[in-house]
Amino acid sequence: MSLPKDQVEVIARGAFLHDIGKMAIPDGILLKPGPLTSDEVRTMREHCYLGYQLVKKSPHLGEAAELVYAHHENFDGTGYPRGIKGEEIPLGARIIAVANTLDSITTNLPYRPARSLSAARAEIEKWSGRQFDPEVVRAFLETPDGIWEDLRREADSATKDDTGSDQAPRR
């Protein structure tokens, strides 16, 4: 998207920290193999605010804190925690939303197996203009598959635990 280096660095910090608030979410919710109850969903949604509260305390991460807070906001305003929309959502959070969805769809999770890159592309394109910023989706769709496949291999090798498991506790 031809962003300046300093903005890319803030987005990268926000991306690395976007789910840090999940440290305060009980494992029983994070690792639950089936659907969450409405109370569990409410608890899970608190991770954005909890992460924001944690990250904003660091003077070096202030800008990234806003991205942590807004990464589940939807372009059409139906997201959480604040229900902001469009360009009210920081660009970095709009980018993280697409990246997070790509990662989620293509990763084995406790409640469902990984799906293909093509399935992720189709899902992200389907939600363009509703969940996702159309400009960010366009840039994502223009990125060659090989880049995403290389990133997935790197992520998989970096997240394997001592048992060789590639299952990450993400919701």
Protein backbone atom coordinates (compact mmCIF):
# COMPACT_ATOMS: atom_id res chain seq x y z
CA MET A 1 0.00 0.00 0.00
CA SER A 2 3.10 2.21 -0.27
CA LEU A 3 2.99 3.34 3.35
CA PRO A 4 5.89 5.21 4.96
CA LYS A 5 8.36 3.04 6.90
CA ASP A 6 7.46 4.58 10.27
CA GLN A 7 3.76 3.79 9.73
CA VAL A 8 4.60 0.22 8.70
CA GLU A 9 6.63 -0.15 11.92
CA VAL A 10 3.67 1.00 14.04
CA ILE A 11 1.36 -1.40 12.19
CA ALA A 12 3.85 -4.23 12.73
CA ARG A 13 3.95 -3.53 16.47
CA GLY A 14 0.16 -3.43 16.56
CA ALA A 15 -0.04 -6.69 14.62
CA PHE A 16 2.35 -8.45 16.99
CA LEU A 17 0.41 -7.19 20.01
CA HIS A 18 -3.17 -7.20 18.69
CA ASP A 19 -4.30 -10.16 20.83
CA ILE A 20 -2.22 -9.45 23.94
CA GLY A 21 -5.45 -8.83 25.87
CA LYS A 22 -6.25 -12.53 25.50
CA MET A 23 -3.77 -13.16 28.32
CA ALA A 24 -6.64 -12.12 30.60
CA ILE A 25 -9.18 -14.43 28.94
CA PRO A 26 -9.64 -17.84 30.64
CA ASP A 27 -8.15 -20.81 28.80
CA GLY A 28 -11.54 -22.51 29.03
CA ILE A 29 -12.81 -19.93 26.53
CA LEU A 30 -9.67 -19.65 24.38
CA LEU A 31 -9.32 -23.41 24.00
CA LYS A 32 -12.98 -24.37 23.89
CA PRO A 33 -13.47 -26.82 21.01
CA GLY A 34 -17.06 -25.78 20.26
CA PRO A 35 -19.11 -22.61 19.94
CA LEU A 36 -18.96 -20.02 22.69
CA THR A 37 -21.98 -19.06 24.78
CA SER A 38 -23.15 -15.46 24.67
CA ASP A 39 -21.42 -14.80 28.03
CA GLU A 40 -18.20 -16.32 26.70
CA VAL A 41 -18.43 -14.16 23.58
CA ARG A 42 -18.81 -11.06 25.77
CA THR A 43 -15.77 -12.08 27.79
CA MET A 44 -13.77 -12.81 24.63
CA ARG A 45 -14.59 -9.41 23.17
CA GLU A 46 -13.02 -7.74 26.20
CA HIS A 47 -9.56 -8.65 24.90
CA CYS A 48 -9.43 -5.57 22.65
CA TYR A 49 -9.92 -3.15 25.53
CA LEU A 50 -7.74 -5.15 27.92
CA GLY A 51 -4.94 -5.21 25.35
CA TYR A 52 -5.32 -1.49 24.70
CA GLN A 53 -5.08 -0.77 28.44
CA LEU A 54 -1.89 -2.81 28.68
CA VAL A 55 -0.15 -1.51 25.54
CA LYS A 56 -0.97 2.18 26.05
CA LYS A 57 1.09 2.18 29.25
CA SER A 58 4.28 2.01 27.18
CA PRO A 59 5.34 5.37 25.73
CA HIS A 60 6.93 3.54 22.79
CA LEU A 61 3.73 1.70 21.88
CA GLY A 62 1.12 4.45 22.14
CA GLU A 63 0.21 4.45 18.46
CA ALA A 64 0.12 0.64 18.37
CA ALA A 65 -2.31 0.66 21.32
CA GLU A 66 -4.98 2.23 19.12
CA LEU A 67 -4.54 -0.59 16.61
CA VAL A 68 -4.89 -3.21 19.35
CA TYR A 69 -8.10 -1.50 20.47
CA ALA A 70 -9.65 -1.28 16.99
CA HIS A 71 -8.62 -4.53 15.27
CA HIS A 72 -12.14 -6.01 15.57
CA GLU A 73 -13.97 -2.94 14.31
CA ASN A 74 -15.76 -3.56 11.01
CA PHE A 75 -15.62 -1.19 8.07
CA ASP A 76 -19.43 -0.92 8.07
CA GLY A 77 -19.57 -0.07 11.80
CA THR A 78 -20.87 -3.44 13.04
CA GLY A 79 -17.67 -4.44 14.85
CA TYR A 80 -16.54 -4.04 18.43
CA PRO A 81 -15.66 -2.69 20.94
CA ARG A 82 -16.76 0.83 19.92
CA GLY A 83 -18.72 0.31 16.70
CA ILE A 84 -16.63 2.83 14.75
CA LYS A 85 -16.61 2.59 10.96
CA GLY A 86 -14.78 3.41 7.76
CA GLU A 87 -11.89 5.79 8.14
CA GLU A 88 -12.71 6.30 11.84
CA ILE A 89 -10.88 2.98 12.23
CA PRO A 90 -7.11 3.52 12.09
CA LEU A 91 -5.66 2.24 8.81
CA GLY A 92 -3.32 -0.07 10.70
CA ALA A 93 -6.26 -1.73 12.45
CA ARG A 94 -8.00 -2.17 9.08
CA ILE A 95 -4.87 -3.89 7.75
CA ILE A 96 -4.51 -6.04 10.88
CA ALA A 97 -8.16 -7.13 10.51
CA VAL A 98 -7.42 -8.62 7.08
CA ALA A 99 -4.13 -10.18 8.19
CA ASN A 100 -5.74 -11.62 11.33
CA THR A 101 -8.53 -13.17 9.25
CA LEU A 102 -6.04 -14.63 6.79
CA ASP A 103 -4.09 -16.14 9.67
CA SER A 104 -7.19 -17.43 11.42
CA ILE A 105 -8.63 -19.09 8.32
CA THR A 106 -5.33 -20.75 7.34
CA THR A 107 -4.42 -21.99 10.86
CA ASN A 108 -5.59 -25.12 12.67
CA LEU A 109 -7.67 -23.96 15.62
CA PRO A 110 -9.16 -25.89 18.54
CA TYR A 111 -12.65 -25.50 17.09
CA ARG A 112 -11.90 -26.12 13.36
CA PRO A 113 -9.16 -27.20 10.95
CA ALA A 114 -7.20 -24.80 8.75
CA ARG A 115 -8.60 -23.93 5.34
CA SER A 116 -6.72 -23.08 2.16
CA LEU A 117 -5.30 -19.74 1.07
CA SER A 118 -7.84 -19.65 -1.76
CA ALA A 119 -10.66 -20.12 0.77
CA ALA A 120 -9.24 -17.26 2.85
CA ARG A 121 -8.99 -15.01 -0.21
CA ALA A 122 -12.60 -15.77 -1.15
CA GLU A 123 -13.86 -15.11 2.39
CA ILE A 124 -11.98 -11.83 2.71
CA GLU A 125 -13.16 -10.67 -0.71
CA LYS A 126 -16.76 -11.61 0.19
CA TRP A 127 -16.65 -9.32 3.25
CA SER A 128 -15.01 -6.37 1.49
CA GLY A 129 -16.92 -3.17 2.30
CA ARG A 130 -18.65 -4.77 5.27
CA GLN A 131 -16.07 -6.27 7.62
CA PHE A 132 -13.02 -5.08 5.69
CA ASP A 133 -11.81 -1.87 4.06
CA PRO A 134 -12.13 -2.37 0.28
CA GLU A 135 -8.75 -0.66 -0.33
CA VAL A 136 -7.00 -3.03 2.06
CA VAL A 137 -8.77 -6.01 0.48
CA ARG A 138 -7.70 -4.86 -2.97
CA ALA A 139 -4.05 -4.67 -1.86
CA PHE A 140 -4.36 -8.08 -0.20
CA LEU A 141 -5.85 -9.69 -3.31
CA GLU A 142 -3.11 -8.17 -5.50
CA THR A 143 -0.40 -9.80 -3.38
CA PRO A 144 0.95 -12.99 -5.01
CA ASP A 145 0.02 -16.27 -3.29
CA GLY A 146 3.69 -17.19 -2.90
CA ILE A 147 4.25 -14.38 -0.41
CA TRP A 148 1.42 -15.61 1.83
CA GLU A 149 2.59 -19.22 1.52
CA ASP A 150 6.14 -18.24 2.54
CA LEU A 151 4.81 -16.24 5.51
CA ARG A 152 2.64 -19.19 6.58
CA ARG A 153 5.66 -21.55 6.49
CA GLU A 154 7.67 -19.07 8.57
CA ALA A 155 4.84 -18.63 11.07
CA ASP A 156 4.28 -22.37 11.35
CA SER A 157 7.96 -23.05 12.06
CA ALA A 158 8.10 -20.22 14.62
CA THR A 159 4.99 -21.33 16.55
CA LYS A 160 5.59 -25.07 16.85
CA ASP A 161 5.90 -25.96 20.50
CA ASP A 162 8.17 -28.63 21.95
CA THR A 163 5.72 -31.37 20.97
CA GLY A 164 5.65 -30.27 17.34
CA SER A 165 2.02 -29.16 17.55
CA ASP A 166 0.95 -26.40 15.17
CA GLN A 167 -2.38 -25.80 16.85
CA ALA A 168 -2.65 -22.29 18.24
CA PRO A 169 -5.22 -21.19 20.85
CA ARG A 170 -6.86 -18.39 18.83
CA ARG A 171 -10.42 -17.16 18.57
